[in-house]
Each structure stands twice: as structure tokens, then as C-alpha cells.
Protein backbone atom coordinates (compact mmCIF):
# COMPACT_ATOMS: atom_id res chain seq x y z
CA MET A 1 28.41 27.81 35.11
CA ARG A 2 31.90 25.78 34.30
CA SER A 3 30.16 22.67 35.36
CA PHE A 4 27.32 23.28 33.69
CA ILE A 5 29.00 23.81 30.21
CA GLY A 6 31.08 20.89 30.82
CA PHE A 7 27.78 18.83 31.56
CA VAL A 8 26.54 20.28 28.46
CA ILE A 9 29.46 19.25 26.25
CA LYS A 10 29.47 15.74 27.87
CA GLU A 11 25.89 15.11 26.89
CA PHE A 12 26.61 16.52 23.44
CA TYR A 13 29.37 14.22 23.14
CA HIS A 14 27.40 11.29 24.22
CA ILE A 15 24.93 12.21 21.74
CA ILE A 16 27.51 12.55 18.68
CA ARG A 17 29.81 9.55 19.47
CA ASP A 18 26.98 7.06 18.20
CA TYR A 19 27.62 7.86 14.56
CA ARG A 20 24.39 5.96 13.58
CA SER A 21 22.23 8.17 15.53
CA LEU A 22 23.86 11.05 13.89
CA ILE A 23 23.25 9.88 10.65
CA ILE A 24 19.58 8.98 11.29
CA LEU A 25 19.07 12.38 12.88
CA PHE A 26 20.08 14.40 9.69
CA ALA A 27 18.75 11.85 7.23
CA ILE A 28 15.42 11.06 8.05
CA PRO A 29 14.14 14.80 7.93
CA ALA A 30 15.60 15.03 4.52
CA VAL A 31 14.47 11.88 3.10
CA ASP A 32 11.11 12.49 4.39
CA LEU A 33 10.78 15.68 2.58
CA VAL A 34 11.74 14.25 -0.73
CA LEU A 35 9.35 11.87 -0.24
CA PHE A 36 6.70 14.12 0.61
CA GLY A 37 7.71 16.48 -2.13
CA TYR A 38 7.23 13.75 -4.77
CA THR A 39 4.15 11.74 -3.71
CA VAL A 40 1.79 14.37 -1.84
CA ARG A 41 -0.28 15.04 -5.20
CA ASN A 42 -3.98 15.74 -5.57
CA GLU A 43 -3.73 15.10 -9.34
CA LEU A 44 -4.22 11.80 -11.46
CA THR A 45 -1.86 10.37 -13.46
CA ARG A 46 -1.45 7.03 -15.52
CA ALA A 47 -4.64 5.53 -14.02
CA PRO A 48 -5.32 2.17 -15.74
CA PHE A 49 -8.45 1.55 -17.68
CA ALA A 50 -9.89 -0.87 -20.12
CA VAL A 51 -12.68 -1.19 -22.54
CA VAL A 52 -15.67 -3.38 -23.21
CA ASP A 53 -16.58 -2.34 -26.83
CA PRO A 54 -18.84 -5.06 -28.57
CA SER A 55 -19.19 -3.00 -31.81
CA ARG A 56 -15.86 -1.60 -32.28
CA ASP A 57 -16.88 1.08 -34.61
CA GLN A 58 -15.27 4.46 -35.88
CA VAL A 59 -16.97 6.54 -33.33
CA THR A 60 -15.91 3.98 -30.25
CA THR A 61 -12.51 3.90 -31.47
CA GLU A 62 -12.29 7.29 -31.62
CA ILE A 63 -13.19 8.06 -27.99
CA VAL A 64 -10.82 5.21 -27.10
CA GLN A 65 -8.02 7.03 -28.67
CA LYS A 66 -8.89 10.38 -27.05
CA LEU A 67 -8.56 8.58 -23.64
CA ALA A 68 -5.64 6.62 -24.15
CA SER A 69 -4.18 9.78 -25.42
CA SER A 70 -4.62 11.44 -22.07
CA HIS A 71 -1.39 11.62 -19.74
CA TYR A 72 -3.86 11.22 -16.88
CA LEU A 73 -5.09 7.56 -18.05
CA GLU A 74 -3.18 4.22 -19.24
CA PHE A 75 -4.98 2.10 -21.65
CA GLU A 76 -4.65 -1.42 -20.55
CA GLY A 77 -6.81 -3.22 -23.65
CA TYR A 78 -10.09 -4.52 -24.33
CA LEU A 79 -12.14 -7.08 -22.20
CA LYS A 80 -14.13 -9.70 -24.31
CA ASN A 81 -17.50 -8.76 -22.20
CA GLU A 82 -18.81 -7.55 -19.11
CA SER A 83 -17.87 -10.96 -17.36
CA ASP A 84 -14.16 -10.29 -17.39
CA ILE A 85 -14.67 -6.73 -15.33
CA ASP A 86 -14.80 -8.19 -12.17
CA PRO A 87 -11.75 -10.63 -12.42
CA ALA A 88 -9.77 -7.74 -13.99
CA PHE A 89 -10.75 -5.68 -10.78
CA LYS A 90 -9.94 -8.13 -8.29
CA ALA A 91 -6.75 -8.77 -9.91
CA GLY A 92 -5.73 -5.30 -9.52
CA LYS A 93 -4.92 -4.98 -13.19
CA ILE A 94 -7.40 -1.88 -13.77
CA LYS A 95 -9.33 0.84 -11.84
CA GLU A 96 -11.91 1.74 -14.46
CA VAL A 97 -14.00 0.15 -17.05
CA VAL A 98 -15.38 1.93 -19.99
CA VAL A 99 -18.25 -0.19 -21.36
CA PHE A 100 -19.97 1.11 -24.98
CA ASP A 101 -23.62 0.28 -26.00
CA ARG A 102 -23.89 -2.18 -28.63
CA LYS A 103 -23.98 -0.54 -32.18
CA PHE A 104 -22.68 2.43 -30.64
CA ALA A 105 -22.65 4.57 -33.95
CA HIS A 106 -25.69 3.33 -35.47
CA LYS A 107 -27.61 4.20 -32.19
CA LEU A 108 -25.48 7.77 -32.05
CA THR A 109 -26.75 8.32 -35.79
CA HIS A 110 -29.82 6.94 -35.86
CA ASN A 111 -31.48 7.33 -32.32
CA ARG A 112 -29.72 10.41 -31.59
CA SER A 113 -28.56 8.83 -28.52
CA ALA A 114 -26.04 6.24 -27.14
CA GLY A 115 -24.79 5.09 -23.99
CA ILE A 116 -21.45 4.55 -22.09
CA GLN A 117 -21.24 3.19 -18.75
CA LEU A 118 -18.34 3.91 -16.62
CA ILE A 119 -17.60 1.31 -13.82
CA ALA A 120 -14.80 1.96 -11.33
CA ASP A 121 -12.96 0.12 -8.36
CA ALA A 122 -14.13 2.43 -5.65
CA SER A 123 -12.12 0.20 -2.82
CA ASN A 124 -10.23 3.70 -3.46
CA PRO A 125 -12.85 6.08 -3.35
CA ASN A 126 -10.93 9.15 -4.24
CA MET A 127 -9.16 7.33 -6.93
CA GLY A 128 -12.54 5.91 -8.30
CA ALA A 129 -14.26 9.13 -8.37
CA LEU A 130 -11.19 11.17 -9.82
CA ILE A 131 -10.90 8.46 -12.70
CA THR A 132 -14.81 8.64 -13.28
CA ALA A 133 -14.98 12.43 -13.65
CA GLN A 134 -11.57 12.40 -15.90
CA ILE A 135 -13.17 10.06 -18.10
CA SER A 136 -16.34 11.75 -18.30
CA GLY A 137 -14.52 15.20 -19.18
CA LEU A 138 -12.76 13.72 -21.93
CA VAL A 139 -16.03 12.14 -23.38
CA GLN A 140 -17.92 15.42 -23.20
CA GLN A 141 -15.14 17.16 -24.96
CA PHE A 142 -15.28 14.37 -27.87
CA GLN A 143 -19.05 15.17 -27.64
CA ALA A 144 -18.69 18.79 -27.92
CA THR A 145 -15.99 18.56 -30.99
CA HIS A 146 -17.81 15.43 -32.93
CA ALA A 147 -21.03 15.16 -31.98
CA SER A 148 -23.85 15.41 -34.93
CA GLY A 149 -27.56 15.94 -34.96
CA PRO A 150 -29.98 18.42 -33.44
CA PRO A 151 -28.90 20.69 -30.50
CA ALA A 152 -31.29 19.35 -28.38
CA GLY A 153 -30.59 16.19 -26.23
CA THR A 154 -27.76 14.67 -25.08
CA PRO A 155 -26.05 12.42 -27.81
CA ILE A 156 -23.88 10.34 -25.47
CA ASN A 157 -25.49 9.66 -22.16
CA ILE A 158 -22.77 8.78 -19.67
CA ARG A 159 -23.82 6.40 -16.54
CA SER A 160 -21.39 5.79 -13.43
CA ARG A 161 -21.09 2.42 -11.34
CA LEU A 162 -18.88 2.08 -8.42
CA LEU A 163 -18.02 -1.20 -7.32
CA TYR A 164 -17.03 -2.53 -3.77
CA ASN A 165 -17.74 0.96 -2.43
CA PRO A 166 -20.86 2.44 -3.82
CA ASP A 167 -21.31 5.24 -1.26
CA LEU A 168 -17.40 6.29 -1.54
CA ARG A 169 -17.05 5.85 2.28
CA SER A 170 -13.43 6.86 2.99
CA VAL A 171 -13.69 4.74 5.90
CA TYR A 172 -13.26 1.87 3.50
CA LEU A 173 -10.17 2.96 2.30
CA PHE A 174 -8.60 3.99 5.66
CA VAL A 175 -9.31 1.42 8.30
CA PRO A 176 -7.96 -1.59 6.44
CA GLY A 177 -4.76 0.42 5.57
CA LEU A 178 -4.51 1.59 9.27
CA ILE A 179 -4.45 -2.07 9.98
CA ALA A 180 -1.24 -2.62 8.24
CA VAL A 181 0.46 0.63 9.50
CA ILE A 182 -0.44 -0.31 13.07
CA LEU A 183 0.63 -3.86 12.67
CA MET A 184 3.81 -2.61 11.17
CA LEU A 185 4.86 0.04 14.05
CA ILE A 186 3.81 -2.06 16.91
CA SER A 187 5.76 -5.17 15.44
CA ALA A 188 9.01 -3.53 14.20
CA LEU A 189 9.13 -0.82 17.33
CA MET A 190 8.66 -3.82 19.68
CA THR A 191 11.45 -5.94 18.61
CA SER A 192 13.73 -3.04 17.24
CA ILE A 193 14.90 -2.68 21.04
CA THR A 194 15.26 -6.53 21.87
CA ILE A 195 18.79 -7.40 21.30
CA ALA A 196 19.91 -3.79 21.48
CA ARG A 197 18.62 -3.59 25.02
CA GLU A 198 20.53 -7.04 25.98
CA LYS A 199 23.89 -5.41 24.69
CA GLU A 200 23.14 -1.83 26.47
CA THR A 201 22.18 -3.45 29.79
CA GLY A 202 25.00 -6.23 29.52
CA SER A 203 22.88 -8.97 29.90
CA MET A 204 24.09 -10.33 26.49
CA GLU A 205 26.90 -12.31 28.10
CA ILE A 206 24.44 -14.34 30.06
CA LEU A 207 23.11 -14.96 26.74
CA LEU A 208 26.03 -16.18 25.32
CA ALA A 209 26.95 -18.30 28.52
CA SER A 210 23.70 -20.25 27.78
CA PRO A 211 23.63 -23.33 25.86
CA LEU A 212 20.78 -21.50 23.28
CA ARG A 213 22.12 -21.23 19.71
CA PRO A 214 21.71 -18.05 18.09
CA ILE A 215 18.69 -19.32 15.82
CA GLN A 216 17.04 -20.24 19.03
CA ILE A 217 17.91 -17.04 20.71
CA ILE A 218 16.50 -15.23 17.28
CA ILE A 219 13.31 -17.14 17.53
CA GLY A 220 12.88 -17.05 21.23
CA LYS A 221 12.71 -12.92 20.48
CA VAL A 222 10.22 -13.21 18.24
CA VAL A 223 7.76 -15.90 19.43
CA PRO A 224 6.46 -13.68 22.21
CA TYR A 225 5.87 -10.48 20.44
CA PHE A 226 4.17 -12.48 17.63
CA PHE A 227 1.30 -13.80 19.93
CA LEU A 228 1.05 -10.19 21.59
CA ALA A 229 0.95 -8.48 17.78
CA PHE A 230 -1.72 -11.08 17.05
CA ILE A 231 -4.00 -10.30 19.68
CA ASP A 232 -3.63 -6.45 18.11
CA VAL A 233 -4.97 -8.17 14.94
CA LEU A 234 -8.05 -9.40 16.68
CA ILE A 235 -8.53 -5.96 18.36
CA VAL A 236 -8.39 -3.81 15.41
CA ILE A 237 -10.34 -6.24 13.25
CA ILE A 238 -13.17 -6.07 15.94
CA ILE A 239 -13.28 -2.33 15.90
CA ALA A 240 -13.00 -2.21 12.11
CA LEU A 241 -16.21 -4.62 11.62
CA SER A 242 -17.96 -3.20 15.05
CA ILE A 243 -17.51 0.74 15.45
CA PHE A 244 -16.73 1.46 11.56
CA ASN A 245 -18.84 -1.02 9.99
CA VAL A 246 -16.01 -1.92 7.44
CA PRO A 247 -17.32 -4.98 5.25
CA PHE A 248 -15.68 -8.37 5.39
CA ARG A 249 -16.46 -10.31 2.55
CA GLY A 250 -13.48 -12.67 2.10
CA SER A 251 -12.11 -15.79 4.03
CA VAL A 252 -11.56 -15.14 7.86
CA THR A 253 -8.77 -17.90 7.95
CA LEU A 254 -7.07 -16.49 4.98
CA PHE A 255 -7.13 -13.02 6.45
CA LEU A 256 -5.71 -14.41 9.70
CA CYS A 257 -2.67 -16.11 7.86
CA GLU A 258 -1.82 -13.24 5.83
CA ALA A 259 -1.92 -11.08 9.14
CA GLY A 260 0.36 -13.46 10.85
CA LEU A 261 2.80 -13.60 7.81
CA PHE A 262 2.59 -9.89 7.80
CA GLU A 263 3.37 -9.54 11.63
CA LEU A 264 6.34 -12.02 11.44
CA THR A 265 7.77 -10.00 8.21
CA ALA A 266 7.68 -6.87 10.69
CA LEU A 267 9.21 -8.56 13.61
CA SER A 268 11.94 -9.85 11.49
CA LEU A 269 12.63 -6.36 10.42
CA GLY A 270 12.77 -5.06 13.88
CA LEU A 271 14.97 -7.75 14.79
CA LEU A 272 17.21 -7.00 12.11
CA ILE A 273 17.37 -3.28 12.86
CA SER A 274 17.99 -4.45 16.74
CA SER A 275 20.96 -6.53 15.80
CA TRP A 276 22.66 -3.79 13.81
CA SER A 277 22.18 -1.35 16.38
CA GLU A 278 24.63 -0.29 19.36
CA SER A 279 21.80 1.21 21.52
CA GLN A 280 18.22 1.18 22.35
CA GLN A 281 17.83 4.69 21.06
CA THR A 282 19.59 4.05 17.59
CA ALA A 283 17.21 1.07 17.33
CA MET A 284 14.03 3.12 17.96
CA MET A 285 14.96 5.76 15.66
CA THR A 286 15.89 3.69 13.02
CA ALA A 287 12.58 1.86 12.94
CA GLN A 288 10.61 4.86 13.24
CA GLY A 289 12.46 6.27 10.41
CA ILE A 290 12.17 3.05 8.31
CA THR A 291 8.61 2.30 9.20
CA LEU A 292 6.67 5.11 9.99
CA MET A 293 7.00 7.67 6.92
CA PRO A 294 7.60 4.98 4.35
CA THR A 295 4.52 2.96 5.38
CA PHE A 296 2.40 5.95 5.15
CA ILE A 297 3.86 7.57 2.07
CA LEU A 298 4.79 4.43 -0.16
CA SER A 299 2.40 1.97 0.42
CA GLY A 300 -0.60 3.27 -1.32
CA LEU A 301 -2.22 4.10 2.07
CA ILE A 302 -2.96 7.76 1.12
CA PHE A 303 -1.44 8.50 -2.28
CA PRO A 304 -2.21 5.89 -5.15
CA ILE A 305 1.11 4.30 -6.25
CA SER A 306 0.32 4.95 -9.79
CA SER A 307 0.41 8.44 -9.72
CA MET A 308 4.14 8.70 -8.10
CA PRO A 309 7.10 8.67 -10.48
CA ARG A 310 8.76 5.53 -11.57
CA PRO A 311 11.50 5.62 -9.15
CA LEU A 312 9.33 5.84 -6.07
CA GLN A 313 7.13 3.37 -7.83
CA TRP A 314 10.17 0.94 -7.58
CA LEU A 315 10.95 2.04 -4.23
CA SER A 316 7.62 0.98 -3.06
CA THR A 317 8.10 -2.41 -3.52
CA ILE A 318 10.34 -2.80 -0.70
CA ILE A 319 7.91 -1.69 1.57
CA PRO A 320 6.18 -4.67 3.42
CA ALA A 321 3.14 -2.56 3.85
CA ARG A 322 2.61 -2.16 0.31
CA TRP A 323 1.81 -5.94 -0.44
CA PHE A 324 -0.05 -6.31 2.78
CA LEU A 325 -2.31 -3.49 1.85
CA VAL A 326 -3.32 -5.36 -1.39
CA ILE A 327 -3.95 -8.18 0.62
CA VAL A 328 -6.11 -6.82 3.03
CA ARG A 329 -8.08 -4.48 0.95
CA GLY A 330 -8.64 -7.32 -1.47
CA ILE A 331 -9.90 -9.83 1.07
CA MET A 332 -12.11 -7.43 3.18
CA LEU A 333 -13.32 -5.24 0.29
CA LYS A 334 -13.41 -7.42 -2.85
CA GLY A 335 -13.54 -10.94 -1.23
CA ILE A 336 -10.80 -12.34 -3.19
CA GLY A 337 -8.57 -15.66 -2.35
CA ILE A 338 -5.33 -16.98 -2.47
CA GLU A 339 -5.61 -17.58 -6.03
CA VAL A 340 -5.28 -13.81 -6.90
CA LEU A 341 -3.24 -12.67 -3.89
CA TRP A 342 -0.57 -15.50 -4.13
CA LYS A 343 2.09 -13.01 -5.72
CA GLU A 344 1.70 -10.62 -2.79
CA THR A 345 1.92 -13.44 -0.41
CA ALA A 346 4.91 -14.86 -1.72
CA ILE A 347 6.78 -11.43 -1.72
CA LEU A 348 5.91 -11.14 2.07
CA GLY A 349 7.32 -14.67 2.72
CA GLY A 350 10.40 -14.04 1.03
CA MET A 351 10.96 -10.54 3.00
CA ALA A 352 10.28 -12.40 6.17
CA PHE A 353 12.92 -15.17 5.33
CA LEU A 354 15.25 -12.71 4.30
CA PHE A 355 15.14 -10.52 7.21
CA LEU A 356 15.49 -13.43 9.49
CA PHE A 357 18.35 -14.74 7.79
CA LEU A 358 19.99 -11.31 7.84
CA SER A 359 19.33 -11.12 11.56
CA LEU A 360 20.92 -14.48 12.15
CA ARG A 361 23.97 -13.36 10.24
CA ALA A 362 24.11 -10.01 12.09
CA PHE A 363 23.79 -11.75 15.33
CA LYS A 364 26.50 -14.08 14.53
CA VAL A 365 28.92 -11.24 13.80
CA ARG A 366 28.25 -9.64 17.18
CA LEU A 367 28.89 -13.12 18.53
CA ASP A 368 32.38 -13.31 16.87
């Protein structure tokens, strides 16, 4: 019995002596609980919308003011005409457009009927349906309190139109998003144990004695996993197109280049974690804690970023998957190009460079 107790104490000591593992062990559940508590929301908040209003009369102005005063919506301004709707959606500036009929007040007064068309960006089907329902409800409230004329008939006719995903298929939302999640997890986890494994197995001395420079060792660690992860890109995109019938409306070449850049970012992040970790266990736990929950919660994969509290919206900007999700959904569902996605591309490139630079610095410190 004493030997058993001694064995248990020894194992416990091995676990707690690596303070990094201990911190991660207790910090990850606390952080994940806070993130879930603030992001798991079904209600809609601050959804951006725009208006196309050829007449700008008193009635349409009052309707727009009612919509803008709702804390569920955020008014982004007027569009000149309907030809500006598709570019605004592709740029990601808005999620819904309210289009009024010409001479809206005149039709409402003389014809006893006027129309409003609600055009939604349904690349996120849940978001598109929620915004459309919310605006429809607010217009109906306005109609009940301000409508004039005989009780028969419907003075304001509301028509809805869903772009990019007219059938509201949830697979269009989740499959492109899972591409980002899979690449992040595989790439970061694969490289997170590379240098830590060398230190733990004692083969780091062999690398130090070799003529290779630190930058060559870092690049050499990344290149094999880059090509392996690129095979995963091809596999997941073939499955998405052939099995789930997800549309691919953009450039395949641009998509593969963007996927390669995202891979490099994820691999560099894993390499940075590996350079800072003392053991493979610590590296794996850190990689899972940094990539798994934040990618699911803060990237916009499941919960709209616009519905999150402001601090979490700012925090989401450091999640690489957030920017790649905009890219992959934009290319596949909307067919947009680099002229729109240049900002997301530049951010991913900057992250990849920063992670590689920090990995090299951390590796040099280890060498010293």
C-alpha cells in the first residue's frame, strides 16, 4: 500500500511540476465557460441593414426610423439603387436591405397598397431568416398603429428574397465553416509537438550540432506538414462539393491560394506553441485550448459575431479562422474575388509572418 501511495504521489508530482500544464488545465475550463456564456445566444442584436428608398417620403422615413430605433438592428444608411445591393452584400457591410416601392406614400394613400421587399444575405441562413422576421414584425407593428384606409386588405405588402442560399440550407453555412475548423485543428496540432518532441526525446542536441540554421530548422518543420495539410484541403473540398452539394461560385485558384495561406498561419501558430512548450503534453493541451473552442465560438462559425458583446468582437479579431471563414464563404457562396477579400488576406498574411517570427525568436532563445 505504501508503494502504491508513493507511486501516486510521484505521478502527481510529475504533473504539477510543469506549471504550464497546470495553468492550462485550470484556465481552459474557466475561459471556455465565460466564452460560452457570452456567445451562446439565440437572440439577434445589432444586425446591419441598409435601405433603398426612391421616394424618401414621410411614411418611408417613419418606417426607417422605427427600424433604426430597434436594438436588434443597426442602420448602415441608404443605397442609391438596387444595383448597389449585391456589391454591399459581397463586401460584408450589411446583412439585409429594405427596398421600398417608388411613390410609396402615394400608393399607400391612393391605391390602398404599397410594397416593401426584404432582401437578405442568406449565406448564413439563420441570420438571414432572423433579420427578415424581425424587420417584417416591425413593419407590421408600424402598419397596425399608422395604417389608414378601410380595414379590408393589406396596405403594406411585404415580400422577401434570399440571396446565395434561397432554400436556407444549413449545410451551406456549416460545411465551409468546418473546412476552416478542420484545417486549423489539424495544422496547429500537427506542428505543436514538433520541437517539443525533439526536446523531450533528446534529439534536439543532434539538430543543434547540425549545420542547419534556426530559420532552416523552422521552415523544415513546416514544409512537410504544409503539403500534408494541403491534401486535407483537397479532400474536404471534394467532399463538400460531391456529397453535400455546396456551391462553388468563385475562383478555385484563389481558394487554394487562400487555403494555403491559412494553413501556413495555423502551422506557424502550432510551431510557436511548440517552441514555447517544454513537453508534448503541454504543447497538445495548449494547442487544443487556443484553437478548438475559440475557433468554434469566436470565429462566426455558429454564432454571429455582430451579436456578441463588444469585447468579444474585438477578441475575435485575433482568431485566424474568423478571417478565413469570411474568405471561404465569400468565394464558395458569393463568388467574390481578391478585390473584396484583400483585407482578410492581408490580415492572415500578417498573422503568419508574426507567428513565424515569434517562433524563430523563441527557438533562438532555447538555443542560447
